[in-house]
Amino acid sequence: MRSGRDLWSEFETLTNRNDSAGLASLFASDGVLVGPNFRHEGSEAIRAFCDVLTTHFSDINMETSLVIEEGETVVAEWTVRATHMAAPAMPDGTSATDMTVAQAGVTVGTVRDGKFLALREYFDTAPR
């Protein structure tokens, strides 16, 4: 059975491959993914969310700098860099398309039976 550290390593690898189906497969059927401005419940909803991310961001590169695991809890500190694609135009007509963004954050996960039961992501929502 996969540990939290193993799951996180797979999460990072699949994120870098833009593999929505693979990412969703890491979650329990009743798993939840929560961030500063979103909440997705169930592996199908999580996959749909990941599909949107891979449509809007290309060349995603996640680098994990720290992973701590204790019991059913895993904590990871990470940085993601990607190019923002297919962005909707702003009211003034400008767009964030082709803008490279960098996002640093921390994820706290709960593992059950070798899958993520919950991932709670903490990051600043302002683009960098």
N, C-alpha and C. Protein backbone atom coordinates (compact mmCIF):
# COMPACT_ATOMS: atom_id res chain seq x y z
N MET A 1 0.85 -1.19 0.00
CA MET A 1 0.00 0.00 0.00
C MET A 1 0.89 1.24 0.00
N ARG A 2 0.49 2.24 -0.80
CA ARG A 2 1.30 3.45 -0.94
C ARG A 2 1.23 4.31 0.32
N SER A 3 2.37 4.85 0.68
CA SER A 3 2.45 5.80 1.80
C SER A 3 2.10 7.19 1.29
N GLY A 4 1.94 8.12 2.21
CA GLY A 4 1.70 9.51 1.82
C GLY A 4 2.85 10.08 1.01
N ARG A 5 4.06 9.73 1.38
CA ARG A 5 5.25 10.20 0.65
C ARG A 5 5.23 9.64 -0.78
N ASP A 6 4.89 8.36 -0.93
CA ASP A 6 4.79 7.74 -2.26
C ASP A 6 3.72 8.42 -3.10
N LEU A 7 2.55 8.65 -2.49
CA LEU A 7 1.45 9.32 -3.20
C LEU A 7 1.87 10.71 -3.65
N TRP A 8 2.54 11.43 -2.78
CA TRP A 8 2.96 12.78 -3.15
C TRP A 8 3.94 12.74 -4.32
N SER A 9 4.87 11.81 -4.28
CA SER A 9 5.83 11.67 -5.38
C SER A 9 5.10 11.40 -6.70
N GLU A 10 4.10 10.53 -6.67
CA GLU A 10 3.28 10.27 -7.87
C GLU A 10 2.51 11.52 -8.29
N PHE A 11 1.97 12.25 -7.30
CA PHE A 11 1.23 13.48 -7.58
C PHE A 11 2.12 14.46 -8.34
N GLU A 12 3.34 14.63 -7.87
CA GLU A 12 4.28 15.56 -8.53
C GLU A 12 4.58 15.08 -9.96
N THR A 13 4.88 13.80 -10.12
CA THR A 13 5.18 13.25 -11.45
C THR A 13 4.01 13.43 -12.41
N LEU A 14 2.81 13.10 -11.97
CA LEU A 14 1.63 13.20 -12.82
C LEU A 14 1.26 14.66 -13.13
N THR A 15 1.50 15.55 -12.18
CA THR A 15 1.28 16.98 -12.42
C THR A 15 2.21 17.45 -13.55
N ASN A 16 3.46 17.03 -13.50
CA ASN A 16 4.43 17.44 -14.51
C ASN A 16 4.13 16.83 -15.88
N ARG A 17 3.36 15.76 -15.91
CA ARG A 17 2.96 15.14 -17.18
C ARG A 17 1.61 15.66 -17.68
N ASN A 18 0.98 16.56 -16.93
CA ASN A 18 -0.38 17.04 -17.25
C ASN A 18 -1.36 15.86 -17.36
N ASP A 19 -1.24 14.89 -16.48
CA ASP A 19 -2.04 13.67 -16.53
C ASP A 19 -3.23 13.76 -15.57
N SER A 20 -4.34 14.31 -16.06
CA SER A 20 -5.54 14.51 -15.23
C SER A 20 -6.10 13.20 -14.71
N ALA A 21 -6.18 12.20 -15.58
CA ALA A 21 -6.73 10.90 -15.17
C ALA A 21 -5.85 10.26 -14.10
N GLY A 22 -4.54 10.35 -14.29
CA GLY A 22 -3.62 9.80 -13.31
C GLY A 22 -3.74 10.51 -11.97
N LEU A 23 -3.84 11.84 -11.99
CA LEU A 23 -4.00 12.59 -10.74
C LEU A 23 -5.28 12.17 -10.02
N ALA A 24 -6.38 12.09 -10.76
CA ALA A 24 -7.66 11.71 -10.14
C ALA A 24 -7.59 10.31 -9.55
N SER A 25 -6.80 9.42 -10.16
CA SER A 25 -6.71 8.04 -9.67
C SER A 25 -6.01 7.95 -8.32
N LEU A 26 -5.32 8.99 -7.91
CA LEU A 26 -4.64 8.99 -6.61
C LEU A 26 -5.61 9.27 -5.46
N PHE A 27 -6.83 9.70 -5.79
CA PHE A 27 -7.82 10.06 -4.77
C PHE A 27 -8.81 8.91 -4.54
N ALA A 28 -9.25 8.79 -3.29
CA ALA A 28 -10.35 7.88 -2.97
C ALA A 28 -11.58 8.37 -3.72
N SER A 29 -12.53 7.48 -3.98
CA SER A 29 -13.74 7.88 -4.72
C SER A 29 -14.46 9.04 -4.05
N ASP A 30 -14.36 9.13 -2.72
CA ASP A 30 -14.99 10.22 -1.98
C ASP A 30 -13.96 11.27 -1.54
N GLY A 31 -12.82 11.29 -2.23
CA GLY A 31 -11.76 12.23 -1.89
C GLY A 31 -12.17 13.67 -2.15
N VAL A 32 -11.41 14.58 -1.56
CA VAL A 32 -11.71 16.00 -1.71
C VAL A 32 -10.40 16.76 -1.94
N LEU A 33 -10.46 17.75 -2.82
CA LEU A 33 -9.34 18.64 -3.12
C LEU A 33 -9.81 20.06 -2.82
N VAL A 34 -9.13 20.72 -1.89
CA VAL A 34 -9.55 22.04 -1.43
C VAL A 34 -8.40 23.02 -1.57
N GLY A 35 -8.70 24.20 -2.09
CA GLY A 35 -7.70 25.26 -2.21
C GLY A 35 -8.28 26.56 -1.72
N PRO A 36 -7.54 27.65 -1.87
CA PRO A 36 -8.00 28.95 -1.37
C PRO A 36 -9.33 29.41 -1.97
N ASN A 37 -9.61 29.00 -3.21
CA ASN A 37 -10.85 29.47 -3.84
C ASN A 37 -11.57 28.35 -4.60
N PHE A 38 -11.39 27.11 -4.14
CA PHE A 38 -12.09 25.99 -4.78
C PHE A 38 -12.25 24.82 -3.82
N ARG A 39 -13.20 23.98 -4.12
CA ARG A 39 -13.43 22.73 -3.40
C ARG A 39 -14.05 21.75 -4.40
N HIS A 40 -13.41 20.59 -4.56
CA HIS A 40 -13.90 19.58 -5.49
C HIS A 40 -13.99 18.26 -4.74
N GLU A 41 -15.17 17.67 -4.78
CA GLU A 41 -15.42 16.43 -4.04
C GLU A 41 -15.65 15.28 -5.01
N GLY A 42 -14.95 14.17 -4.78
CA GLY A 42 -15.07 12.98 -5.61
C GLY A 42 -14.03 12.98 -6.71
N SER A 43 -13.55 11.80 -7.06
CA SER A 43 -12.47 11.70 -8.03
C SER A 43 -12.87 12.22 -9.41
N GLU A 44 -14.15 12.10 -9.79
CA GLU A 44 -14.58 12.62 -11.10
C GLU A 44 -14.54 14.15 -11.13
N ALA A 45 -14.97 14.79 -10.05
CA ALA A 45 -14.91 16.25 -9.98
C ALA A 45 -13.46 16.73 -9.94
N ILE A 46 -12.62 15.98 -9.27
CA ILE A 46 -11.20 16.33 -9.21
C ILE A 46 -10.58 16.21 -10.60
N ARG A 47 -10.95 15.14 -11.33
CA ARG A 47 -10.42 14.99 -12.68
C ARG A 47 -10.88 16.15 -13.59
N ALA A 48 -12.14 16.53 -13.48
CA ALA A 48 -12.65 17.64 -14.30
C ALA A 48 -11.87 18.92 -13.99
N PHE A 49 -11.59 19.17 -12.73
CA PHE A 49 -10.81 20.34 -12.34
C PHE A 49 -9.40 20.27 -12.92
N CYS A 50 -8.77 19.10 -12.84
CA CYS A 50 -7.43 18.92 -13.39
C CYS A 50 -7.43 19.11 -14.91
N ASP A 51 -8.51 18.66 -15.57
CA ASP A 51 -8.62 18.87 -17.02
C ASP A 51 -8.61 20.35 -17.36
N VAL A 52 -9.31 21.15 -16.57
CA VAL A 52 -9.33 22.60 -16.80
C VAL A 52 -7.94 23.18 -16.61
N LEU A 53 -7.24 22.76 -15.56
CA LEU A 53 -5.90 23.28 -15.31
C LEU A 53 -4.95 22.96 -16.46
N THR A 54 -5.02 21.72 -16.97
CA THR A 54 -4.10 21.35 -18.04
C THR A 54 -4.46 22.04 -19.35
N THR A 55 -5.70 22.50 -19.49
CA THR A 55 -6.10 23.27 -20.66
C THR A 55 -5.56 24.69 -20.57
N HIS A 56 -5.54 25.24 -19.37
CA HIS A 56 -5.15 26.63 -19.18
C HIS A 56 -3.67 26.84 -18.90
N PHE A 57 -2.95 25.77 -18.57
CA PHE A 57 -1.53 25.90 -18.27
C PHE A 57 -0.74 24.83 -19.02
N SER A 58 0.34 25.25 -19.67
CA SER A 58 1.20 24.29 -20.36
C SER A 58 2.54 24.22 -19.63
N ASP A 59 3.34 23.29 -20.05
CA ASP A 59 4.69 23.06 -19.50
C ASP A 59 4.74 23.22 -17.98
N ILE A 60 3.81 22.57 -17.31
CA ILE A 60 3.77 22.63 -15.84
C ILE A 60 5.01 21.93 -15.28
N ASN A 61 5.66 22.59 -14.33
CA ASN A 61 6.81 22.01 -13.66
C ASN A 61 6.65 22.20 -12.17
N MET A 62 6.33 21.11 -11.47
CA MET A 62 6.21 21.15 -10.01
C MET A 62 7.50 20.61 -9.41
N GLU A 63 8.02 21.34 -8.44
CA GLU A 63 9.20 20.91 -7.70
C GLU A 63 8.86 20.91 -6.22
N THR A 64 9.06 19.78 -5.59
CA THR A 64 8.79 19.65 -4.16
C THR A 64 10.09 19.85 -3.40
N SER A 65 10.07 20.72 -2.40
CA SER A 65 11.27 21.00 -1.63
C SER A 65 11.27 20.30 -0.27
N LEU A 66 10.10 19.88 0.19
CA LEU A 66 10.02 19.25 1.51
C LEU A 66 8.78 18.37 1.58
N VAL A 67 8.95 17.16 2.11
CA VAL A 67 7.81 16.27 2.38
C VAL A 67 7.96 15.74 3.79
N ILE A 68 6.91 15.88 4.58
CA ILE A 68 6.88 15.36 5.94
C ILE A 68 5.69 14.43 6.03
N GLU A 69 5.91 13.25 6.59
CA GLU A 69 4.82 12.29 6.74
C GLU A 69 4.77 11.80 8.18
N GLU A 70 3.57 11.77 8.71
CA GLU A 70 3.37 11.21 10.04
C GLU A 70 2.00 10.54 10.07
N GLY A 71 1.98 9.25 10.26
CA GLY A 71 0.72 8.52 10.27
C GLY A 71 0.00 8.68 8.95
N GLU A 72 -1.24 9.12 9.00
CA GLU A 72 -2.07 9.30 7.81
C GLU A 72 -1.93 10.69 7.19
N THR A 73 -1.01 11.49 7.70
CA THR A 73 -0.86 12.87 7.23
C THR A 73 0.46 13.03 6.47
N VAL A 74 0.36 13.72 5.33
CA VAL A 74 1.55 14.07 4.56
C VAL A 74 1.47 15.58 4.28
N VAL A 75 2.61 16.24 4.43
CA VAL A 75 2.70 17.68 4.18
C VAL A 75 3.82 17.89 3.15
N ALA A 76 3.52 18.67 2.12
CA ALA A 76 4.52 18.93 1.08
C ALA A 76 4.60 20.43 0.82
N GLU A 77 5.83 20.92 0.70
CA GLU A 77 6.08 22.29 0.30
C GLU A 77 6.55 22.24 -1.15
N TRP A 78 5.99 23.08 -2.02
CA TRP A 78 6.23 22.95 -3.45
C TRP A 78 6.25 24.31 -4.14
N THR A 79 6.77 24.29 -5.36
CA THR A 79 6.70 25.42 -6.28
C THR A 79 6.27 24.88 -7.63
N VAL A 80 5.34 25.57 -8.27
CA VAL A 80 4.90 25.22 -9.62
C VAL A 80 5.18 26.40 -10.52
N ARG A 81 5.74 26.09 -11.70
CA ARG A 81 5.93 27.08 -12.74
C ARG A 81 5.22 26.56 -13.99
N ALA A 82 4.56 27.46 -14.72
CA ALA A 82 3.82 27.06 -15.92
C ALA A 82 3.55 28.28 -16.77
N THR A 83 3.16 28.01 -18.00
CA THR A 83 2.77 29.08 -18.91
C THR A 83 1.25 29.10 -18.98
N HIS A 84 0.68 30.28 -18.76
CA HIS A 84 -0.78 30.44 -18.76
C HIS A 84 -1.26 30.53 -20.20
N MET A 85 -2.12 29.60 -20.59
CA MET A 85 -2.63 29.53 -21.97
C MET A 85 -4.14 29.69 -21.95
N ALA A 86 -4.71 30.05 -23.08
CA ALA A 86 -6.17 30.08 -23.26
C ALA A 86 -6.89 30.90 -22.20
N ALA A 87 -6.28 31.98 -21.80
CA ALA A 87 -6.89 32.82 -20.77
C ALA A 87 -7.98 33.70 -21.37
N PRO A 88 -9.07 33.88 -20.64
CA PRO A 88 -10.09 34.81 -21.12
C PRO A 88 -9.57 36.24 -21.06
N ALA A 89 -10.05 37.06 -21.95
CA ALA A 89 -9.63 38.47 -21.98
C ALA A 89 -10.19 39.20 -20.77
N MET A 90 -9.42 40.14 -20.28
CA MET A 90 -9.84 41.00 -19.18
C MET A 90 -10.77 42.08 -19.75
N PRO A 91 -11.50 42.81 -18.90
CA PRO A 91 -12.40 43.86 -19.39
C PRO A 91 -11.71 44.89 -20.28
N ASP A 92 -10.41 45.14 -20.02
CA ASP A 92 -9.69 46.13 -20.84
C ASP A 92 -9.14 45.52 -22.14
N GLY A 93 -9.42 44.22 -22.38
CA GLY A 93 -8.98 43.56 -23.61
C GLY A 93 -7.65 42.84 -23.50
N THR A 94 -6.92 43.05 -22.39
CA THR A 94 -5.65 42.36 -22.22
C THR A 94 -5.90 40.92 -21.79
N SER A 95 -4.89 40.10 -21.90
CA SER A 95 -5.00 38.69 -21.54
C SER A 95 -3.71 38.23 -20.88
N ALA A 96 -3.84 37.22 -20.03
CA ALA A 96 -2.67 36.66 -19.37
C ALA A 96 -2.05 35.53 -20.20
N THR A 97 -2.56 35.31 -21.41
CA THR A 97 -2.04 34.24 -22.26
C THR A 97 -0.55 34.41 -22.48
N ASP A 98 0.15 33.30 -22.42
CA ASP A 98 1.60 33.21 -22.60
C ASP A 98 2.40 33.80 -21.44
N MET A 99 1.74 34.16 -20.37
CA MET A 99 2.43 34.67 -19.19
C MET A 99 2.95 33.48 -18.37
N THR A 100 4.21 33.51 -18.00
CA THR A 100 4.76 32.47 -17.13
C THR A 100 4.43 32.83 -15.69
N VAL A 101 3.90 31.86 -14.97
CA VAL A 101 3.54 32.08 -13.57
C VAL A 101 4.34 31.12 -12.69
N ALA A 102 4.60 31.57 -11.48
CA ALA A 102 5.25 30.74 -10.48
C ALA A 102 4.41 30.82 -9.22
N GLN A 103 4.15 29.68 -8.64
CA GLN A 103 3.29 29.61 -7.47
C GLN A 103 3.96 28.72 -6.43
N ALA A 104 4.13 29.22 -5.23
CA ALA A 104 4.67 28.42 -4.13
C ALA A 104 3.54 28.12 -3.16
N GLY A 105 3.59 26.96 -2.55
CA GLY A 105 2.54 26.63 -1.61
C GLY A 105 2.88 25.42 -0.76
N VAL A 106 1.92 25.08 0.07
CA VAL A 106 2.01 23.92 0.95
C VAL A 106 0.72 23.14 0.82
N THR A 107 0.84 21.83 0.75
CA THR A 107 -0.33 20.95 0.71
C THR A 107 -0.29 20.04 1.91
N VAL A 108 -1.44 19.90 2.58
CA VAL A 108 -1.60 18.98 3.68
C VAL A 108 -2.57 17.91 3.22
N GLY A 109 -2.13 16.66 3.26
CA GLY A 109 -2.97 15.57 2.79
C GLY A 109 -3.28 14.55 3.85
N THR A 110 -4.41 13.89 3.68
CA THR A 110 -4.80 12.77 4.52
C THR A 110 -4.89 11.54 3.62
N VAL A 111 -4.25 10.45 4.04
CA VAL A 111 -4.18 9.23 3.25
C VAL A 111 -5.02 8.14 3.92
N ARG A 112 -5.79 7.43 3.08
CA ARG A 112 -6.56 6.29 3.57
C ARG A 112 -6.45 5.17 2.53
N ASP A 113 -6.07 4.00 2.96
CA ASP A 113 -6.00 2.82 2.09
C ASP A 113 -5.20 3.09 0.81
N GLY A 114 -4.07 3.80 0.94
CA GLY A 114 -3.19 4.02 -0.19
C GLY A 114 -3.65 5.07 -1.19
N LYS A 115 -4.65 5.88 -0.81
CA LYS A 115 -5.15 6.96 -1.69
C LYS A 115 -5.32 8.22 -0.86
N PHE A 116 -5.36 9.36 -1.56
CA PHE A 116 -5.64 10.61 -0.86
C PHE A 116 -7.13 10.67 -0.52
N LEU A 117 -7.42 10.88 0.73
CA LEU A 117 -8.79 11.15 1.16
C LEU A 117 -9.05 12.65 1.04
N ALA A 118 -8.01 13.43 1.34
CA ALA A 118 -8.14 14.89 1.24
C ALA A 118 -6.78 15.50 0.96
N LEU A 119 -6.78 16.52 0.11
CA LEU A 119 -5.63 17.38 -0.08
C LEU A 119 -6.12 18.80 0.12
N ARG A 120 -5.47 19.53 1.01
CA ARG A 120 -5.80 20.92 1.28
C ARG A 120 -4.59 21.76 0.89
N GLU A 121 -4.76 22.58 -0.13
CA GLU A 121 -3.66 23.37 -0.67
C GLU A 121 -3.73 24.80 -0.14
N TYR A 122 -2.57 25.31 0.25
CA TYR A 122 -2.47 26.67 0.78
C TYR A 122 -1.46 27.43 -0.07
N PHE A 123 -1.93 28.49 -0.75
CA PHE A 123 -1.05 29.31 -1.57
C PHE A 123 -1.69 30.67 -1.81
N ASP A 124 -0.85 31.64 -2.14
CA ASP A 124 -1.31 32.98 -2.48
C ASP A 124 -1.89 32.92 -3.89
N THR A 125 -3.09 33.43 -4.08
CA THR A 125 -3.74 33.35 -5.37
C THR A 125 -3.30 34.42 -6.36
N ALA A 126 -2.48 35.37 -5.93
CA ALA A 126 -1.99 36.41 -6.84
C ALA A 126 -0.90 35.82 -7.73
N PRO A 127 -0.98 36.02 -9.05
CA PRO A 127 0.05 35.48 -9.94
C PRO A 127 1.39 36.14 -9.69
N ARG A 128 2.43 35.39 -9.91
CA ARG A 128 3.81 35.89 -9.73
C ARG A 128 4.57 35.80 -11.02
